[in-house]
C-alpha cells in the first residue's frame, strides 16, 4: 500500500501506536495498540462486498497478478 500511494518507506509506519497525533474516534484505544496478527484475514468476511473494488484493482496493470 505504501508503494501504491507513492510514499517513501519510513520505519515509523511499523509503530503507529507511538504517534502522538490526536485521535477522536471510537477506536481511540485501538490506534494506540501495537500492530498484531489477530485480525489477519478478517477482510475475507467481506469478500463478496469487496468484489467490485477487487475487480477495479485487478484491472490496474501493476496489480493484475494479485491473488485474493
Protein backbone atom coordinates (compact mmCIF):
# COMPACT_ATOMS: atom_id res chain seq x y z
CA UNK A 1 0.00 0.00 0.00
CA UNK A 2 2.87 2.36 0.78
CA UNK A 3 4.26 1.82 -2.72
CA UNK A 4 0.81 2.19 -4.29
CA UNK A 5 0.38 5.54 -2.54
CA UNK A 6 3.76 6.63 -3.88
CA UNK A 7 5.15 7.24 -0.40
CA UNK A 8 8.74 6.66 0.66
CA UNK A 9 9.11 3.94 3.30
CA UNK A 10 9.60 5.11 6.88
CA UNK A 11 10.16 2.81 9.86
CA UNK A 12 7.57 4.78 11.85
CA UNK A 13 4.90 3.08 9.70
CA UNK A 14 5.52 -0.02 11.82
CA UNK A 15 4.73 1.81 15.08
CA UNK A 16 1.50 3.80 14.62
CA UNK A 17 0.74 3.36 18.31
CA UNK A 18 3.67 5.68 19.10
CA UNK A 19 2.23 8.57 17.08
CA UNK A 20 1.19 11.41 19.41
CA UNK A 21 -1.37 12.76 16.91
CA UNK A 22 -4.82 13.39 18.39
CA UNK A 23 -7.43 10.71 17.63
CA UNK A 24 -11.10 11.41 18.28
CA UNK A 25 -12.80 8.24 17.11
CA UNK A 26 -14.35 5.30 18.92
CA UNK A 27 -11.22 3.31 18.08
CA UNK A 28 -9.01 5.66 20.11
CA UNK A 29 -7.62 2.75 22.19
CA UNK A 30 -7.10 0.55 19.12
CA UNK A 31 -5.00 3.22 17.41
CA UNK A 32 -2.60 3.21 20.35
CA UNK A 33 -2.25 -0.58 20.37
CA UNK A 34 0.77 -2.20 18.69
CA UNK A 35 0.23 -3.95 15.35
CA UNK A 36 -0.73 -7.60 15.82
CA UNK A 37 -1.84 -10.55 13.70
CA UNK A 38 -5.16 -11.08 15.49
CA UNK A 39 -7.24 -9.71 12.62
CA UNK A 40 -5.34 -11.22 9.69
CA UNK A 41 -7.79 -12.49 7.12
CA UNK A 42 -10.69 -10.59 8.69
CA UNK A 43 -11.36 -8.98 5.32
CA UNK A 44 -12.45 -12.36 3.97
CA UNK A 45 -15.76 -11.99 5.82
CA UNK A 46 -16.44 -9.06 3.48
CA UNK A 47 -15.03 -10.65 0.32
CA UNK A 48 -18.35 -10.58 -1.56
CA UNK A 49 -18.99 -6.96 -0.61
CA UNK A 50 -15.44 -6.05 -1.69
CA UNK A 51 -15.65 -7.89 -5.02
CA UNK A 52 -16.39 -4.70 -7.07
CA UNK A 53 -13.35 -2.95 -5.57
CA UNK A 54 -11.19 -6.03 -6.13
CA UNK A 55 -12.28 -6.09 -9.80
CA UNK A 56 -11.24 -2.45 -10.25
CA UNK A 57 -7.88 -3.02 -8.56
CA UNK A 58 -7.18 -6.15 -10.61
CA UNK A 59 -7.68 -4.14 -13.82
CA UNK A 60 -4.79 -1.84 -12.87
CA UNK A 61 -1.64 -3.03 -14.67
CA UNK A 62 0.66 -3.19 -11.67
CA UNK A 63 -1.89 -5.17 -9.61
CA UNK A 64 -3.00 -7.75 -12.23
CA UNK A 65 -1.08 -10.57 -10.51
CA UNK A 66 -2.60 -10.06 -7.05
CA UNK A 67 -4.06 -13.22 -5.56
CA UNK A 68 -7.06 -12.98 -3.27
